[in-house]
Amino acid sequence: ELIGQMWNNPDEIPGNGVDDDNDGYIDNVHGVDTVNFDGDPMDDNGHGTHCAGTIGAAANDGNAHVGVAWEVSLMACKFLSADGWGYTSGAIAGIDFAVANGARILSNSWGGGGESQSLYDAIVRAREAGVVFLAAAGNSGVDTDSSPHYPSSYDVENIIAVSAVDRNGQLASWSNYGRNTVDVGAPGVDIFSSVSDSDSSYAYYSGTSMATPHVVGIAALMLANDPELTAGQLKSGILHTSVLLDNL
């Protein structure tokens, strides 16, 4: 479902052990790994594969699982280890790599840690390049207007912060929210998608991490329809065509 959806680095020759494009990573054909400092972003946790499947799994095997945008190019930028830890510097390196290599949409199903000026600056650089930055609002059940969650709470125009709702349109009990710091809600409870245990593995996950790639897929479909859309137009279109839920 994902092998045919992966971005291919046009300036890197696969498997030759050489950094052909001189970007500091050897054989980084499908993306980059900034936690292990190599060119192989293979998912050894499962979380990223689940999110990727929601964004753009191909409609190819009749198992009732397909991504929102099933003809898409997925660039893997890994900065978290198999155990889910990483550094802000790795996140920044991934953001900068994606922007430098032409990504239009950044899907960020991660968060935590304190406010970082350097991470803020990286998101601003993405904005200046016309890139929209989708961010999970977090799973602590708090109002991020008063208890900020990063990166979703940074006040940068290209950020779309996403909370999680269930199949009835109710805010998930554990989802963060915020009148000023969260933009939209999307399905994030018991989401069925691919995982990395094997080429035929699937699982139900819940979280704002699962909600975010639904909105990413919508943004990708919007760009497929009109590649000239700016980040501001993408955000405005998503916010102003969403269904209004009274409980949000």
Protein backbone atom coordinates (compact mmCIF):
# COMPACT_ATOMS: atom_id res chain seq x y z
CA GLU A 1 0.00 0.00 0.00
CA LEU A 2 2.89 2.37 0.62
CA ILE A 3 5.83 1.16 -1.48
CA GLY A 4 4.49 2.82 -4.61
CA GLN A 5 3.64 6.01 -2.73
CA MET A 6 7.12 6.81 -1.44
CA TRP A 7 8.99 9.89 -2.63
CA ASN A 8 12.12 9.10 -4.58
CA ASN A 9 15.12 11.39 -4.29
CA PRO A 10 16.01 12.19 -7.91
CA ASP A 11 19.58 13.14 -7.00
CA GLU A 12 20.52 9.97 -5.10
CA ILE A 13 21.60 6.65 -6.66
CA PRO A 14 20.19 3.78 -4.55
CA GLY A 15 22.54 1.36 -2.86
CA ASN A 16 25.88 2.70 -4.05
CA GLY A 17 27.08 3.78 -0.60
CA VAL A 18 27.75 7.31 -1.81
CA ASP A 19 26.20 10.64 -0.84
CA ASP A 20 25.46 11.53 -4.44
CA ASP A 21 23.59 14.77 -3.70
CA ASN A 22 26.03 15.94 -1.01
CA ASP A 23 23.33 16.56 1.57
CA GLY A 24 25.11 14.64 4.32
CA TYR A 25 23.09 11.43 4.00
CA ILE A 26 24.11 8.30 2.10
CA ASP A 27 21.51 6.51 -0.04
CA ASN A 28 18.64 8.62 1.30
CA VAL A 29 16.31 7.58 -1.48
CA HIS A 30 12.95 7.86 0.31
CA GLY A 31 13.72 10.45 2.97
CA VAL A 32 16.06 10.84 5.91
CA ASP A 33 16.67 9.52 9.43
CA THR A 34 17.91 12.28 11.72
CA VAL A 35 17.89 10.20 14.92
CA ASN A 36 20.32 7.55 13.62
CA PHE A 37 21.99 10.02 11.22
CA ASP A 38 21.59 7.94 8.09
CA GLY A 39 19.61 7.80 4.88
CA ASP A 40 17.22 4.98 5.87
CA PRO A 41 13.99 6.27 7.46
CA MET A 42 12.43 2.77 7.80
CA ASP A 43 9.78 2.75 10.52
CA ASP A 44 10.78 0.59 13.51
CA ASN A 45 7.90 1.73 15.73
CA GLY A 46 4.70 1.51 13.65
CA HIS A 47 3.29 4.94 14.41
CA GLY A 48 4.63 6.60 11.26
CA THR A 49 3.39 3.79 9.01
CA HIS A 50 -0.08 4.11 10.53
CA CYS A 51 -0.14 7.85 9.84
CA ALA A 52 1.24 7.35 6.33
CA GLY A 53 -1.48 4.82 5.55
CA THR A 54 -4.18 7.28 6.53
CA ILE A 55 -2.66 9.96 4.33
CA GLY A 56 -2.10 7.91 1.22
CA ALA A 57 -2.33 4.11 1.22
CA ALA A 58 -2.98 2.95 -2.33
CA ALA A 59 -6.34 1.46 -3.25
CA ASN A 60 -4.88 -1.83 -4.41
CA ASP A 61 -5.88 -4.90 -2.43
CA GLY A 62 -9.58 -4.80 -1.62
CA ASN A 63 -9.14 -4.92 2.16
CA ALA A 64 -11.26 -1.80 2.73
CA HIS A 65 -8.23 0.28 3.66
CA VAL A 66 -7.25 3.24 1.51
CA GLY A 67 -5.68 6.60 2.22
CA VAL A 68 -7.47 9.90 1.93
CA ALA A 69 -5.22 10.87 -1.00
CA TRP A 70 -4.39 7.53 -2.62
CA GLU A 71 -2.12 8.96 -5.31
CA VAL A 72 0.46 10.87 -3.33
CA SER A 73 4.20 11.20 -2.76
CA LEU A 74 5.23 10.43 0.83
CA MET A 75 8.63 11.69 2.01
CA ALA A 76 9.73 9.93 5.21
CA CYS A 77 11.52 12.21 7.67
CA LYS A 78 12.24 10.22 10.82
CA PHE A 79 13.59 11.86 13.97
CA LEU A 80 12.18 9.55 16.67
CA SER A 81 13.70 6.24 17.71
CA ALA A 82 11.95 2.87 17.94
CA ASP A 83 11.13 3.79 21.55
CA GLY A 84 9.68 7.15 20.59
CA TRP A 85 12.41 9.48 21.80
CA GLY A 86 14.25 12.14 19.87
CA TYR A 87 15.62 15.64 19.88
CA THR A 88 14.25 18.96 18.74
CA SER A 89 17.34 19.33 16.58
CA GLY A 90 16.34 16.16 14.72
CA ALA A 91 12.84 17.52 14.12
CA ILE A 92 14.32 20.73 12.76
CA ALA A 93 16.65 18.79 10.45
CA GLY A 94 13.69 16.81 9.14
CA ILE A 95 11.63 19.93 8.53
CA ASP A 96 14.48 21.65 6.71
CA PHE A 97 15.18 18.53 4.64
CA ALA A 98 11.56 18.24 3.56
CA VAL A 99 11.27 21.91 2.65
CA ALA A 100 14.58 21.88 0.76
CA ASN A 101 13.42 18.88 -1.27
CA GLY A 102 10.12 20.35 -2.36
CA ALA A 103 7.56 19.07 0.15
CA ARG A 104 4.36 21.15 0.11
CA ILE A 105 2.71 19.68 3.22
CA LEU A 106 4.35 18.60 6.48
CA SER A 107 2.50 16.03 8.62
CA ASN A 108 3.57 16.28 12.26
CA SER A 109 1.95 13.66 14.48
CA TRP A 110 4.28 14.36 17.39
CA GLY A 111 4.73 16.83 20.20
CA GLY A 112 6.11 17.51 23.64
CA GLY A 113 8.83 19.43 25.35
CA GLY A 114 9.02 23.11 26.03
CA GLU A 115 8.92 26.07 23.70
CA SER A 116 11.85 26.24 21.29
CA GLN A 117 12.87 29.31 19.35
CA SER A 118 14.85 27.18 16.89
CA LEU A 119 11.84 24.96 16.14
CA TYR A 120 9.65 28.04 15.79
CA ASP A 121 12.17 29.47 13.33
CA ALA A 122 12.14 26.22 11.30
CA ILE A 123 8.35 26.41 10.97
CA VAL A 124 8.67 30.05 9.90
CA ARG A 125 11.18 28.97 7.24
CA ALA A 126 8.63 26.44 6.03
CA ARG A 127 6.00 29.16 5.89
CA GLU A 128 8.30 31.40 3.87
CA ALA A 129 8.73 28.51 1.42
CA GLY A 130 4.96 28.19 1.04
CA VAL A 131 4.69 24.95 3.03
CA VAL A 132 1.72 24.17 5.27
CA PHE A 133 2.50 22.56 8.65
CA LEU A 134 -0.13 20.17 10.05
CA ALA A 135 0.34 19.41 13.76
CA ALA A 136 -1.36 17.07 16.23
CA ALA A 137 -2.87 19.03 19.13
CA GLY A 138 -1.83 16.44 21.74
CA ASN A 139 -3.52 13.84 23.91
CA SER A 140 -3.54 15.32 27.43
CA GLY A 141 -7.16 16.52 27.48
CA VAL A 142 -6.14 20.12 28.20
CA ASP A 143 -6.95 23.54 26.82
CA THR A 144 -3.84 24.52 24.90
CA ASP A 145 -4.83 28.18 25.08
CA SER A 146 -3.67 28.05 28.71
CA SER A 147 -1.42 24.96 28.60
CA PRO A 148 0.51 25.19 25.33
CA HIS A 149 1.47 22.07 23.40
CA TYR A 150 4.32 22.28 20.92
CA PRO A 151 4.65 22.41 18.00
CA SER A 152 0.87 22.78 17.52
CA SER A 153 0.62 25.88 19.74
CA TYR A 154 3.21 28.02 17.95
CA ASP A 155 1.63 31.16 16.56
CA VAL A 156 2.72 30.78 12.94
CA GLU A 157 0.27 31.30 10.10
CA ASN A 158 0.99 28.07 8.22
CA ILE A 159 0.21 25.78 11.19
CA ILE A 160 -3.04 23.82 11.24
CA ALA A 161 -3.50 22.27 14.68
CA VAL A 162 -5.76 19.20 14.77
CA SER A 163 -7.78 17.74 17.63
CA ALA A 164 -9.44 14.30 17.58
CA VAL A 165 -13.14 13.50 17.36
CA ASP A 166 -14.89 10.15 17.44
CA ARG A 167 -17.22 8.66 14.83
CA ASN A 168 -20.11 10.64 16.34
CA GLY A 169 -18.30 13.95 16.06
CA GLN A 170 -17.64 14.21 19.79
CA LEU A 171 -14.30 15.50 21.02
CA ALA A 172 -12.24 12.57 22.31
CA SER A 173 -11.95 12.74 26.10
CA TRP A 174 -8.15 12.77 25.92
CA SER A 175 -7.81 15.20 23.02
CA ASN A 176 -6.36 18.63 23.60
CA TYR A 177 -8.47 21.55 22.44
CA GLY A 178 -8.24 25.32 22.32
CA ARG A 179 -10.41 28.07 20.90
CA ASN A 180 -7.37 30.02 19.74
CA THR A 181 -4.71 27.32 19.40
CA VAL A 182 -6.55 24.42 17.73
CA ASP A 183 -8.01 24.86 14.25
CA VAL A 184 -10.01 21.75 13.34
CA GLY A 185 -11.06 18.35 14.61
CA ALA A 186 -10.75 15.15 12.57
CA PRO A 187 -11.36 11.42 13.11
CA GLY A 188 -8.89 10.11 15.67
CA VAL A 189 -10.61 7.31 17.60
CA ASP A 190 -10.20 3.64 16.59
CA ILE A 191 -8.60 4.46 13.24
CA PHE A 192 -7.73 1.44 11.09
CA SER A 193 -4.50 1.73 9.13
CA SER A 194 -1.28 0.00 8.14
CA VAL A 195 1.52 -0.71 10.63
CA SER A 196 5.11 -1.79 10.12
CA ASP A 197 5.08 -5.28 11.69
CA SER A 198 4.83 -6.79 8.21
CA ASP A 199 3.62 -5.95 4.72
CA SER A 200 0.15 -7.19 5.68
CA SER A 201 -0.18 -5.75 9.19
CA TYR A 202 -2.96 -3.40 10.27
CA ALA A 203 -4.09 -2.01 13.60
CA TYR A 204 -6.58 0.34 15.24
CA TYR A 205 -4.86 3.36 16.83
CA SER A 206 -6.32 6.39 18.58
CA GLY A 207 -4.87 9.84 19.07
CA THR A 208 -4.56 13.30 17.61
CA SER A 209 -1.72 11.63 15.70
CA MET A 210 -4.41 9.69 13.82
CA ALA A 211 -6.56 12.79 13.28
CA THR A 212 -3.78 14.87 11.74
CA PRO A 213 -3.11 12.70 8.65
CA HIS A 214 -6.79 12.86 7.70
CA VAL A 215 -6.42 16.62 7.29
CA VAL A 216 -3.06 16.17 5.56
CA GLY A 217 -4.79 13.94 3.00
CA ILE A 218 -7.41 16.61 2.37
CA ALA A 219 -4.68 19.21 1.82
CA ALA A 220 -2.97 16.84 -0.63
CA LEU A 221 -6.22 16.40 -2.58
CA MET A 222 -6.62 20.17 -2.70
CA LEU A 223 -3.12 20.55 -4.14
CA ALA A 224 -3.75 17.76 -6.64
CA ASN A 225 -6.77 19.72 -7.84
CA ASP A 226 -4.91 23.05 -7.90
CA PRO A 227 -1.10 22.93 -7.49
CA GLU A 228 -0.98 26.73 -7.38
CA LEU A 229 -2.72 26.98 -4.01
CA THR A 230 -0.67 28.77 -1.37
CA ALA A 231 -0.27 27.55 2.19
CA GLY A 232 -2.65 30.30 3.27
CA GLN A 233 -5.26 29.22 0.75
CA LEU A 234 -4.94 25.59 1.84
CA LYS A 235 -5.47 26.52 5.48
CA SER A 236 -8.34 28.88 4.68
CA GLY A 237 -10.03 26.31 2.48
CA ILE A 238 -9.82 23.60 5.13
CA LEU A 239 -11.05 25.85 7.94
CA HIS A 240 -13.87 27.46 6.02
CA THR A 241 -15.31 24.33 4.39
CA SER A 242 -15.25 22.13 7.51
CA VAL A 243 -18.49 20.98 9.11
CA LEU A 244 -19.28 23.04 12.19
CA LEU A 245 -19.77 20.87 15.29
CA ASP A 246 -21.64 22.52 18.14
CA ASN A 247 -19.70 20.58 20.77
CA LEU A 248 -16.43 22.01 19.43
